């Protein structure tokens, strides 16, 4: 029997597990959406385990390797790596006799946030390997970078310039600068009495920056913080705000900059930009979180 895992089942497992954890963070672990996604994740990993006594998933830099086979990157894979690394976990092993309850416990543990959150632990058939001290310190130093409001516009321009060039040239891009922008904005909000004071941040930045994506990010963060969202999910929502218009890179420039009214066909093309951007992020890997 080959050591190579059925890639389609593993990718399905990762996609459903990430969605279940996000839903548990946003709603509650008992929400029916969480149970449905968790059940689908269990079916996928169980199907893979019918052919193998165990499934081993390693995080090597920003790549996933399953039973010695590299997995294609994409949004789910990036989030999968980020979720486990944020808990100090560097590799996972799933054993054949794993029970649904073990996977549900893992989903609940990964959905918890805050300083007092208990450590995510192994179960009888799900073994979690910890990151080495050097890896943990390296990841932590990246996340803790905080920019002042005066520094944000420069980093903003540089981040989008690098990402646009990478996308146009079909290269993998880094989210390090975008992560720093979002982390800095969350930090700024945390020092204000209420997240609704987003307008204060907008006014402070107004003399420096006019990039629409950052304004959307700020307003999104204010809204979800007022709803009580925090932790990795809050960060991901901020990054999503930054990227909400990325699909416009796939619309011809002459249409976007057209000085007069667009034809019906051109307008239909412009309206496709959210879908084009989503398809790009699902299909292409990036380096970093989100």
C-alpha atoms as a PDB file:
ATOM      1  CA  UNK A   1       0.000   0.000   0.000  1.00  0.00           C
ATOM      2  CA  UNK A   2       1.361   3.455  -0.931  1.00  0.00           C
ATOM      3  CA  UNK A   3       2.179   5.982   1.796  1.00  0.00           C
ATOM      4  CA  UNK A   4       0.554   8.720  -0.249  1.00  0.00           C
ATOM      5  CA  UNK A   5      -2.755   9.902   1.171  1.00  0.00           C
ATOM      6  CA  UNK A   6      -5.823  10.494  -1.030  1.00  0.00           C
ATOM      7  CA  UNK A   7      -5.251  14.192  -1.676  1.00  0.00           C
ATOM      8  CA  UNK A   8      -8.867  15.035  -2.523  1.00  0.00           C
ATOM      9  CA  UNK A   9     -10.124  13.690   0.814  1.00  0.00           C
ATOM     10  CA  UNK A  10      -7.425  15.541   2.765  1.00  0.00           C
ATOM     11  CA  UNK A  11      -8.192  18.816   0.993  1.00  0.00           C
ATOM     12  CA  UNK A  12     -11.891  18.325   1.695  1.00  0.00           C
ATOM     13  CA  UNK A  13     -11.095  17.613   5.350  1.00  0.00           C
ATOM     14  CA  UNK A  14      -9.008  20.796   5.663  1.00  0.00           C
ATOM     15  CA  UNK A  15     -11.652  22.932   3.957  1.00  0.00           C
ATOM     16  CA  UNK A  16     -14.499  21.700   6.174  1.00  0.00           C
ATOM     17  CA  UNK A  17     -12.428  21.773   9.367  1.00  0.00           C
ATOM     18  CA  UNK A  18     -11.378  25.402   8.804  1.00  0.00           C
ATOM     19  CA  UNK A  19     -14.994  26.394   8.068  1.00  0.00           C
ATOM     20  CA  UNK A  20     -16.236  24.569  11.186  1.00  0.00           C
ATOM     21  CA  UNK A  21     -13.705  26.357  13.405  1.00  0.00           C
ATOM     22  CA  UNK A  22     -14.574  29.759  11.901  1.00  0.00           C
ATOM     23  CA  UNK A  23     -18.301  29.102  12.432  1.00  0.00           C
ATOM     24  CA  UNK A  24     -17.694  27.984  16.024  1.00  0.00           C
ATOM     25  CA  UNK A  25     -15.782  31.233  16.659  1.00  0.00           C
ATOM     26  CA  UNK A  26     -18.506  33.382  15.120  1.00  0.00           C
ATOM     27  CA  UNK A  27     -21.573  31.589  16.515  1.00  0.00           C
ATOM     28  CA  UNK A  28     -21.079  28.820  19.073  1.00  0.00           C
ATOM     29  CA  UNK A  29     -19.660  25.262  19.059  1.00  0.00           C
ATOM     30  CA  UNK A  30     -23.212  23.914  19.317  1.00  0.00           C
ATOM     31  CA  UNK A  31     -24.492  25.739  16.237  1.00  0.00           C
ATOM     32  CA  UNK A  32     -25.908  23.362  13.622  1.00  0.00           C
ATOM     33  CA  UNK A  33     -23.585  24.796  10.951  1.00  0.00           C
ATOM     34  CA  UNK A  34     -20.602  23.822  13.111  1.00  0.00           C
ATOM     35  CA  UNK A  35     -21.932  20.290  13.566  1.00  0.00           C
ATOM     36  CA  UNK A  36     -22.660  19.899   9.851  1.00  0.00           C
ATOM     37  CA  UNK A  37     -19.198  21.084   8.805  1.00  0.00           C
ATOM     38  CA  UNK A  38     -17.551  19.019  11.534  1.00  0.00           C
ATOM     39  CA  UNK A  39     -19.396  15.898  10.360  1.00  0.00           C
ATOM     40  CA  UNK A  40     -18.254  16.541   6.780  1.00  0.00           C
ATOM     41  CA  UNK A  41     -14.663  16.968   7.949  1.00  0.00           C
ATOM     42  CA  UNK A  42     -14.864  13.691   9.879  1.00  0.00           C
ATOM     43  CA  UNK A  43     -16.251  11.800   6.870  1.00  0.00           C
ATOM     44  CA  UNK A  44     -13.374  13.073   4.698  1.00  0.00           C
ATOM     45  CA  UNK A  45     -10.612  12.122   7.167  1.00  0.00           C
ATOM     46  CA  UNK A  46     -12.298   8.776   7.900  1.00  0.00           C
ATOM     47  CA  UNK A  47     -12.318   7.986   4.172  1.00  0.00           C
ATOM     48  CA  UNK A  48      -8.597   8.774   4.010  1.00  0.00           C
ATOM     49  CA  UNK A  49      -7.933   6.613   7.067  1.00  0.00           C
ATOM     50  CA  UNK A  50      -9.654   3.621   5.470  1.00  0.00           C
ATOM     51  CA  UNK A  51      -6.603   3.376   3.210  1.00  0.00           C
ATOM     52  CA  UNK A  52      -3.962   4.316   5.806  1.00  0.00           C
ATOM     53  CA  UNK A  53      -3.334   3.498   9.431  1.00  0.00           C
ATOM     54  CA  UNK A  54      -2.524   7.147  10.048  1.00  0.00           C
ATOM     55  CA  UNK A  55      -2.484  10.515   8.308  1.00  0.00           C
ATOM     56  CA  UNK A  56       0.428  12.825   9.170  1.00  0.00           C
ATOM     57  CA  UNK A  57       0.203  16.519   8.258  1.00  0.00           C
ATOM     58  CA  UNK A  58       3.357  18.636   8.583  1.00  0.00           C
ATOM     59  CA  UNK A  59       3.763  22.420   8.364  1.00  0.00           C
ATOM     60  CA  UNK A  60       7.031  23.153   6.541  1.00  0.00           C
ATOM     61  CA  UNK A  61       7.435  26.929   6.411  1.00  0.00           C
ATOM     62  CA  UNK A  62       4.196  28.022   4.690  1.00  0.00           C
ATOM     63  CA  UNK A  63       3.493  24.682   3.004  1.00  0.00           C
ATOM     64  CA  UNK A  64       1.450  21.621   3.966  1.00  0.00           C
ATOM     65  CA  UNK A  65       2.855  18.121   3.502  1.00  0.00           C
ATOM     66  CA  UNK A  66       0.593  15.108   4.039  1.00  0.00           C
ATOM     67  CA  UNK A  67       2.157  11.633   4.217  1.00  0.00           C
ATOM     68  CA  UNK A  68       5.180  12.958   2.305  1.00  0.00           C
ATOM     69  CA  UNK A  69       3.037  14.597  -0.409  1.00  0.00           C
ATOM     70  CA  UNK A  70       2.936  18.433  -0.713  1.00  0.00           C
ATOM     71  CA  UNK A  71      -0.604  19.805  -0.783  1.00  0.00           C
ATOM     72  CA  UNK A  72      -1.616  22.599  -3.126  1.00  0.00           C
ATOM     73  CA  UNK A  73      -1.942  25.898  -1.308  1.00  0.00           C
ATOM     74  CA  UNK A  74      -5.006  28.088  -1.185  1.00  0.00           C
ATOM     75  CA  UNK A  75      -7.163  29.987   1.261  1.00  0.00           C
ATOM     76  CA  UNK A  76      -8.153  26.934   3.338  1.00  0.00           C
ATOM     77  CA  UNK A  77      -4.585  25.638   3.551  1.00  0.00           C
ATOM     78  CA  UNK A  78      -3.269  29.059   4.627  1.00  0.00           C
ATOM     79  CA  UNK A  79      -5.918  29.347   7.336  1.00  0.00           C
ATOM     80  CA  UNK A  80      -5.320  25.740   8.434  1.00  0.00           C
ATOM     81  CA  UNK A  81      -1.617  26.475   8.968  1.00  0.00           C
ATOM     82  CA  UNK A  82      -2.375  29.747  10.752  1.00  0.00           C
ATOM     83  CA  UNK A  83      -4.899  28.163  13.117  1.00  0.00           C
ATOM     84  CA  UNK A  84      -2.546  25.465  14.350  1.00  0.00           C
ATOM     85  CA  UNK A  85       0.576  27.621  14.426  1.00  0.00           C
ATOM     86  CA  UNK A  86      -1.270  30.210  16.517  1.00  0.00           C
ATOM     87  CA  UNK A  87      -1.668  27.431  19.105  1.00  0.00           C
ATOM     88  CA  UNK A  88       1.989  26.422  18.877  1.00  0.00           C
ATOM     89  CA  UNK A  89       1.304  23.245  16.881  1.00  0.00           C
ATOM     90  CA  UNK A  90       3.682  22.203  14.094  1.00  0.00           C
ATOM     91  CA  UNK A  91       2.320  18.832  12.953  1.00  0.00           C
ATOM     92  CA  UNK A  92      -0.677  16.532  13.408  1.00  0.00           C
ATOM     93  CA  UNK A  93      -1.251  12.795  13.264  1.00  0.00           C
ATOM     94  CA  UNK A  94      -4.711  11.268  12.822  1.00  0.00           C
ATOM     95  CA  UNK A  95      -5.044   7.574  13.709  1.00  0.00           C
ATOM     96  CA  UNK A  96      -7.494   5.163  12.096  1.00  0.00           C
ATOM     97  CA  UNK A  97      -9.756   4.605  15.144  1.00  0.00           C
ATOM     98  CA  UNK A  98     -10.446   8.320  15.630  1.00  0.00           C
ATOM     99  CA  UNK A  99     -13.955   9.063  16.945  1.00  0.00           C
ATOM    100  CA  UNK A 100     -16.199  11.968  15.855  1.00  0.00           C
ATOM    101  CA  UNK A 101     -16.149  13.332  19.393  1.00  0.00           C
ATOM    102  CA  UNK A 102     -12.366  13.758  19.268  1.00  0.00           C
ATOM    103  CA  UNK A 103     -12.624  15.923  16.176  1.00  0.00           C
ATOM    104  CA  UNK A 104     -15.446  17.968  17.723  1.00  0.00           C
ATOM    105  CA  UNK A 105     -13.269  18.626  20.784  1.00  0.00           C
ATOM    106  CA  UNK A 106     -10.440  19.791  18.520  1.00  0.00           C
ATOM    107  CA  UNK A 107     -12.799  22.177  16.686  1.00  0.00           C
ATOM    108  CA  UNK A 108     -14.013  23.650  19.976  1.00  0.00           C
ATOM    109  CA  UNK A 109     -10.462  24.055  21.319  1.00  0.00           C
ATOM    110  CA  UNK A 110      -9.223  25.791  18.167  1.00  0.00           C
ATOM    111  CA  UNK A 111     -12.203  28.171  18.130  1.00  0.00           C
ATOM    112  CA  UNK A 112     -11.420  29.579  21.584  1.00  0.00           C
ATOM    113  CA  UNK A 113      -9.571  32.894  21.942  1.00  0.00           C
ATOM    114  CA  UNK A 114      -8.159  34.993  24.726  1.00  0.00           C
ATOM    115  CA  UNK A 115      -5.263  34.919  27.142  1.00  0.00           C
ATOM    116  CA  UNK A 116      -6.938  32.424  29.472  1.00  0.00           C
ATOM    117  CA  UNK A 117      -7.701  29.906  26.714  1.00  0.00           C
ATOM    118  CA  UNK A 118      -6.629  26.360  27.706  1.00  0.00           C
ATOM    119  CA  UNK A 119      -3.868  24.713  25.689  1.00  0.00           C
ATOM    120  CA  UNK A 120      -5.062  22.600  22.752  1.00  0.00           C
ATOM    121  CA  UNK A 121      -4.250  18.996  23.704  1.00  0.00           C
ATOM    122  CA  UNK A 122      -3.860  15.682  21.925  1.00  0.00           C
ATOM    123  CA  UNK A 123      -6.538  13.015  22.248  1.00  0.00           C
ATOM    124  CA  UNK A 124      -6.199   9.243  21.987  1.00  0.00           C
ATOM    125  CA  UNK A 125      -6.309   9.222  18.182  1.00  0.00           C
ATOM    126  CA  UNK A 126      -5.369  12.825  17.320  1.00  0.00           C
ATOM    127  CA  UNK A 127      -1.741  13.590  18.177  1.00  0.00           C
ATOM    128  CA  UNK A 128      -0.507  17.194  18.131  1.00  0.00           C
ATOM    129  CA  UNK A 129       3.198  18.022  17.753  1.00  0.00           C
ATOM    130  CA  UNK A 130       4.435  21.278  19.264  1.00  0.00           C
ATOM    131  CA  UNK A 131       6.525  23.887  17.482  1.00  0.00           C
ATOM    132  CA  UNK A 132      10.116  24.297  18.587  1.00  0.00           C
ATOM    133  CA  UNK A 133      11.019  27.353  20.636  1.00  0.00           C
ATOM    134  CA  UNK A 134      12.726  29.043  17.691  1.00  0.00           C
ATOM    135  CA  UNK A 135       9.635  28.647  15.471  1.00  0.00           C
ATOM    136  CA  UNK A 136       7.316  29.999  18.149  1.00  0.00           C
ATOM    137  CA  UNK A 137       9.483  33.074  18.744  1.00  0.00           C
ATOM    138  CA  UNK A 138       9.815  33.779  15.037  1.00  0.00           C
ATOM    139  CA  UNK A 139       6.048  33.638  14.477  1.00  0.00           C
ATOM    140  CA  UNK A 140       5.381  35.772  17.536  1.00  0.00           C
ATOM    141  CA  UNK A 141       7.782  38.517  16.463  1.00  0.00           C
ATOM    142  CA  UNK A 142       5.997  38.850  13.117  1.00  0.00           C
ATOM    143  CA  UNK A 143       2.551  39.140  14.685  1.00  0.00           C
ATOM    144  CA  UNK A 144       3.621  41.675  17.305  1.00  0.00           C
ATOM    145  CA  UNK A 145       4.830  44.319  14.825  1.00  0.00           C
ATOM    146  CA  UNK A 146       2.759  47.457  15.498  1.00  0.00           C
ATOM    147  CA  UNK A 147       2.773  50.523  13.240  1.00  0.00           C
ATOM    148  CA  UNK A 148       1.834  54.025  14.276  1.00  0.00           C
ATOM    149  CA  UNK A 149      -1.029  55.694  12.419  1.00  0.00           C
ATOM    150  CA  UNK A 150       1.520  57.940  10.706  1.00  0.00           C
ATOM    151  CA  UNK A 151       3.419  54.882   9.418  1.00  0.00           C
ATOM    152  CA  UNK A 152       0.362  53.067   8.042  1.00  0.00           C
ATOM    153  CA  UNK A 153       0.007  54.997   4.716  1.00  0.00           C
ATOM    154  CA  UNK A 154       3.589  54.227   3.609  1.00  0.00           C
ATOM    155  CA  UNK A 155       3.289  50.543   4.503  1.00  0.00           C
ATOM    156  CA  UNK A 156      -0.155  50.478   2.905  1.00  0.00           C
ATOM    157  CA  UNK A 157       1.141  51.724  -0.437  1.00  0.00           C
ATOM    158  CA  UNK A 158       4.139  49.382  -0.355  1.00  0.00           C
ATOM    159  CA  UNK A 159       2.017  46.357   0.588  1.00  0.00           C
ATOM    160  CA  UNK A 160      -0.489  46.840  -2.226  1.00  0.00           C
ATOM    161  CA  UNK A 161       2.244  47.636  -4.747  1.00  0.00           C
ATOM    162  CA  UNK A 162       4.050  44.373  -3.962  1.00  0.00           C
ATOM    163  CA  UNK A 163       0.852  42.315  -3.986  1.00  0.00           C
ATOM    164  CA  UNK A 164      -0.364  43.809  -7.269  1.00  0.00           C
ATOM    165  CA  UNK A 165       2.985  43.132  -8.944  1.00  0.00           C
ATOM    166  CA  UNK A 166       3.006  39.548  -7.670  1.00  0.00           C
ATOM    167  CA  UNK A 167      -0.546  38.847  -8.866  1.00  0.00           C
ATOM    168  CA  UNK A 168       0.076  40.351 -12.300  1.00  0.00           C
ATOM    169  CA  UNK A 169       3.220  38.216 -12.662  1.00  0.00           C
ATOM    170  CA  UNK A 170       1.586  35.044 -11.326  1.00  0.00           C
ATOM    171  CA  UNK A 171       3.874  34.862  -8.287  1.00  0.00           C
ATOM    172  CA  UNK A 172       3.160  33.859  -4.711  1.00  0.00           C
ATOM    173  CA  UNK A 173       2.775  36.953  -2.534  1.00  0.00           C
ATOM    174  CA  UNK A 174       3.447  37.656   1.135  1.00  0.00           C
ATOM    175  CA  UNK A 175       0.821  38.888   3.591  1.00  0.00           C
ATOM    176  CA  UNK A 176       3.399  40.071   6.137  1.00  0.00           C
ATOM    177  CA  UNK A 177       2.803  43.799   5.515  1.00  0.00           C
ATOM    178  CA  UNK A 178      -0.978  43.411   5.315  1.00  0.00           C
ATOM    179  CA  UNK A 179      -0.917  41.458   8.585  1.00  0.00           C
ATOM    180  CA  UNK A 180       1.076  44.282  10.180  1.00  0.00           C
ATOM    181  CA  UNK A 181      -1.445  46.879   8.948  1.00  0.00           C
ATOM    182  CA  UNK A 182      -4.434  44.959  10.308  1.00  0.00           C
ATOM    183  CA  UNK A 183      -2.671  44.158  13.585  1.00  0.00           C
ATOM    184  CA  UNK A 184      -1.816  47.845  14.016  1.00  0.00           C
ATOM    185  CA  UNK A 185      -5.396  48.943  13.357  1.00  0.00           C
ATOM    186  CA  UNK A 186      -6.733  46.396  15.868  1.00  0.00           C
ATOM    187  CA  UNK A 187      -4.184  47.712  18.368  1.00  0.00           C
ATOM    188  CA  UNK A 188      -5.375  51.292  17.737  1.00  0.00           C
ATOM    189  CA  UNK A 189      -8.994  50.265  18.344  1.00  0.00           C
ATOM    190  CA  UNK A 190      -8.084  48.469  21.560  1.00  0.00           C
ATOM    191  CA  UNK A 191      -6.830  51.790  22.983  1.00  0.00           C
ATOM    192  CA  UNK A 192     -10.146  53.556  22.322  1.00  0.00           C
ATOM    193  CA  UNK A 193     -13.223  53.508  24.565  1.00  0.00           C
ATOM    194  CA  UNK A 194     -15.457  52.015  21.867  1.00  0.00           C
ATOM    195  CA  UNK A 195     -14.845  50.345  18.495  1.00  0.00           C
ATOM    196  CA  UNK A 196     -17.476  52.702  17.072  1.00  0.00           C
ATOM    197  CA  UNK A 197     -14.765  55.391  17.189  1.00  0.00           C
ATOM    198  CA  UNK A 198     -13.565  54.077  13.821  1.00  0.00           C
ATOM    199  CA  UNK A 199     -14.380  57.494  12.407  1.00  0.00           C
ATOM    200  CA  UNK A 200     -11.646  58.901  14.631  1.00  0.00           C
ATOM    201  CA  UNK A 201      -9.101  56.616  12.974  1.00  0.00           C
ATOM    202  CA  UNK A 202     -10.457  57.510   9.542  1.00  0.00           C
ATOM    203  CA  UNK A 203     -10.096  61.210  10.328  1.00  0.00           C
ATOM    204  CA  UNK A 204      -6.558  60.743  11.649  1.00  0.00           C
ATOM    205  CA  UNK A 205      -5.531  58.861   8.518  1.00  0.00           C
ATOM    206  CA  UNK A 206      -7.427  61.093   6.106  1.00  0.00           C
ATOM    207  CA  UNK A 207      -4.548  63.517   5.589  1.00  0.00           C
ATOM    208  CA  UNK A 208      -2.214  60.610   4.825  1.00  0.00           C
ATOM    209  CA  UNK A 209      -4.198  58.064   2.885  1.00  0.00           C
ATOM    210  CA  UNK A 210      -7.151  57.635   0.561  1.00  0.00           C
ATOM    211  CA  UNK A 211      -6.944  53.922  -0.178  1.00  0.00           C
ATOM    212  CA  UNK A 212     -10.479  52.575  -0.157  1.00  0.00           C
ATOM    213  CA  UNK A 213      -9.521  49.084   1.010  1.00  0.00           C
ATOM    214  CA  UNK A 214      -8.038  50.374   4.275  1.00  0.00           C
ATOM    215  CA  UNK A 215     -11.185  52.387   4.984  1.00  0.00           C
ATOM    216  CA  UNK A 216     -13.301  49.271   4.405  1.00  0.00           C
ATOM    217  CA  UNK A 217     -10.988  47.341   6.739  1.00  0.00           C
ATOM    218  CA  UNK A 218     -11.376  49.994   9.468  1.00  0.00           C
ATOM    219  CA  UNK A 219     -15.173  50.035   9.241  1.00  0.00           C
ATOM    220  CA  UNK A 220     -15.351  46.224   9.200  1.00  0.00           C
ATOM    221  CA  UNK A 221     -13.147  45.985  12.293  1.00  0.00           C
ATOM    222  CA  UNK A 222     -15.239  48.557  14.144  1.00  0.00           C
ATOM    223  CA  UNK A 223     -18.455  46.706  13.366  1.00  0.00           C
ATOM    224  CA  UNK A 224     -17.316  43.214  14.334  1.00  0.00           C
ATOM    225  CA  UNK A 225     -15.447  44.400  17.457  1.00  0.00           C
ATOM    226  CA  UNK A 226     -18.692  46.009  18.597  1.00  0.00           C
ATOM    227  CA  UNK A 227     -20.263  42.540  18.152  1.00  0.00           C
ATOM    228  CA  UNK A 228     -17.611  41.008  20.410  1.00  0.00           C
ATOM    229  CA  UNK A 229     -15.480  39.303  17.742  1.00  0.00           C
ATOM    230  CA  UNK A 230     -11.800  38.951  18.697  1.00  0.00           C
ATOM    231  CA  UNK A 231      -8.671  36.875  18.100  1.00  0.00           C
ATOM    232  CA  UNK A 232      -7.690  35.275  14.749  1.00  0.00           C
ATOM    233  CA  UNK A 233     -11.209  35.672  13.319  1.00  0.00           C
ATOM    234  CA  UNK A 234     -11.050  39.439  13.910  1.00  0.00           C
ATOM    235  CA  UNK A 235      -7.692  39.553  12.121  1.00  0.00           C
ATOM    236  CA  UNK A 236      -9.034  37.527   9.179  1.00  0.00           C
ATOM    237  CA  UNK A 237     -12.020  39.869   8.797  1.00  0.00           C
ATOM    238  CA  UNK A 238      -9.636  42.827   8.679  1.00  0.00           C
ATOM    239  CA  UNK A 239      -7.480  41.175   6.004  1.00  0.00           C
ATOM    240  CA  UNK A 240     -10.628  40.306   4.022  1.00  0.00           C
ATOM    241  CA  UNK A 241     -11.536  44.005   4.055  1.00  0.00           C
ATOM    242  CA  UNK A 242      -8.097  44.841   2.660  1.00  0.00           C
ATOM    243  CA  UNK A 243      -8.567  42.298  -0.137  1.00  0.00           C
ATOM    244  CA  UNK A 244     -12.231  42.882  -0.969  1.00  0.00           C
ATOM    245  CA  UNK A 245     -11.410  44.698  -4.244  1.00  0.00           C
ATOM    246  CA  UNK A 246      -8.436  42.591  -5.347  1.00  0.00           C
ATOM    247  CA  UNK A 247     -10.529  41.170  -8.217  1.00  0.00           C
ATOM    248  CA  UNK A 248     -10.293  44.532 -10.005  1.00  0.00           C
ATOM    249  CA  UNK A 249      -6.772  43.524 -11.042  1.00  0.00           C
ATOM    250  CA  UNK A 250      -8.440  41.115 -13.465  1.00  0.00           C
ATOM    251  CA  UNK A 251     -10.569  43.818 -15.108  1.00  0.00           C
ATOM    252  CA  UNK A 252      -8.957  45.669 -18.055  1.00  0.00           C
ATOM    253  CA  UNK A 253      -7.499  48.988 -16.932  1.00  0.00           C
ATOM    254  CA  UNK A 254      -9.106  50.893 -19.769  1.00  0.00           C
ATOM    255  CA  UNK A 255     -12.540  49.890 -18.440  1.00  0.00           C
ATOM    256  CA  UNK A 256     -11.781  50.849 -14.832  1.00  0.00           C
ATOM    257  CA  UNK A 257     -10.392  54.231 -15.876  1.00  0.00           C
ATOM    258  CA  UNK A 258     -12.977  54.968 -18.560  1.00  0.00           C
ATOM    259  CA  UNK A 259     -14.002  58.647 -18.136  1.00  0.00           C
ATOM    260  CA  UNK A 260     -17.562  58.214 -19.422  1.00  0.00           C
ATOM    261  CA  UNK A 261     -20.400  55.784 -18.798  1.00  0.00           C
ATOM    262  CA  UNK A 262     -19.778  52.058 -19.242  1.00  0.00           C
ATOM    263  CA  UNK A 263     -21.669  49.880 -21.684  1.00  0.00           C
ATOM    264  CA  UNK A 264     -23.852  47.079 -20.314  1.00  0.00           C
ATOM    265  CA  UNK A 265     -21.178  44.514 -21.184  1.00  0.00           C
ATOM    266  CA  UNK A 266     -18.460  46.569 -19.480  1.00  0.00           C
ATOM    267  CA  UNK A 267     -20.596  47.071 -16.381  1.00  0.00           C
ATOM    268  CA  UNK A 268     -21.267  43.323 -16.189  1.00  0.00           C
ATOM    269  CA  UNK A 269     -17.521  42.733 -16.368  1.00  0.00           C
ATOM    270  CA  UNK A 270     -16.823  45.201 -13.546  1.00  0.00           C
ATOM    271  CA  UNK A 271     -19.514  43.562 -11.407  1.00  0.00           C
ATOM    272  CA  UNK A 272     -17.625  40.276 -11.685  1.00  0.00           C
ATOM    273  CA  UNK A 273     -14.621  41.580  -9.728  1.00  0.00           C
ATOM    274  CA  UNK A 274     -15.692  40.185  -6.297  1.00  0.00           C
ATOM    275  CA  UNK A 275     -16.118  36.706  -7.795  1.00  0.00           C
ATOM    276  CA  UNK A 276     -12.843  36.922  -9.703  1.00  0.00           C
ATOM    277  CA  UNK A 277     -11.016  37.985  -6.553  1.00  0.00           C
ATOM    278  CA  UNK A 278     -12.554  35.169  -4.505  1.00  0.00           C
ATOM    279  CA  UNK A 279     -11.668  32.586  -7.144  1.00  0.00           C
ATOM    280  CA  UNK A 280      -8.090  33.847  -7.215  1.00  0.00           C
ATOM    281  CA  UNK A 281      -7.674  33.606  -3.436  1.00  0.00           C
ATOM    282  CA  UNK A 282      -9.185  30.121  -3.341  1.00  0.00           C
ATOM    283  CA  UNK A 283      -6.950  28.860  -6.122  1.00  0.00           C
ATOM    284  CA  UNK A 284      -3.627  30.521  -5.321  1.00  0.00           C
ATOM    285  CA  UNK A 285      -1.477  30.257  -2.181  1.00  0.00           C
ATOM    286  CA  UNK A 286      -0.021  33.207  -0.339  1.00  0.00           C
ATOM    287  CA  UNK A 287       2.770  33.397   2.200  1.00  0.00           C
ATOM    288  CA  UNK A 288       1.489  34.240   5.676  1.00  0.00           C
ATOM    289  CA  UNK A 289      -1.829  34.138   7.516  1.00  0.00           C
ATOM    290  CA  UNK A 290      -5.387  34.398   6.135  1.00  0.00           C
END
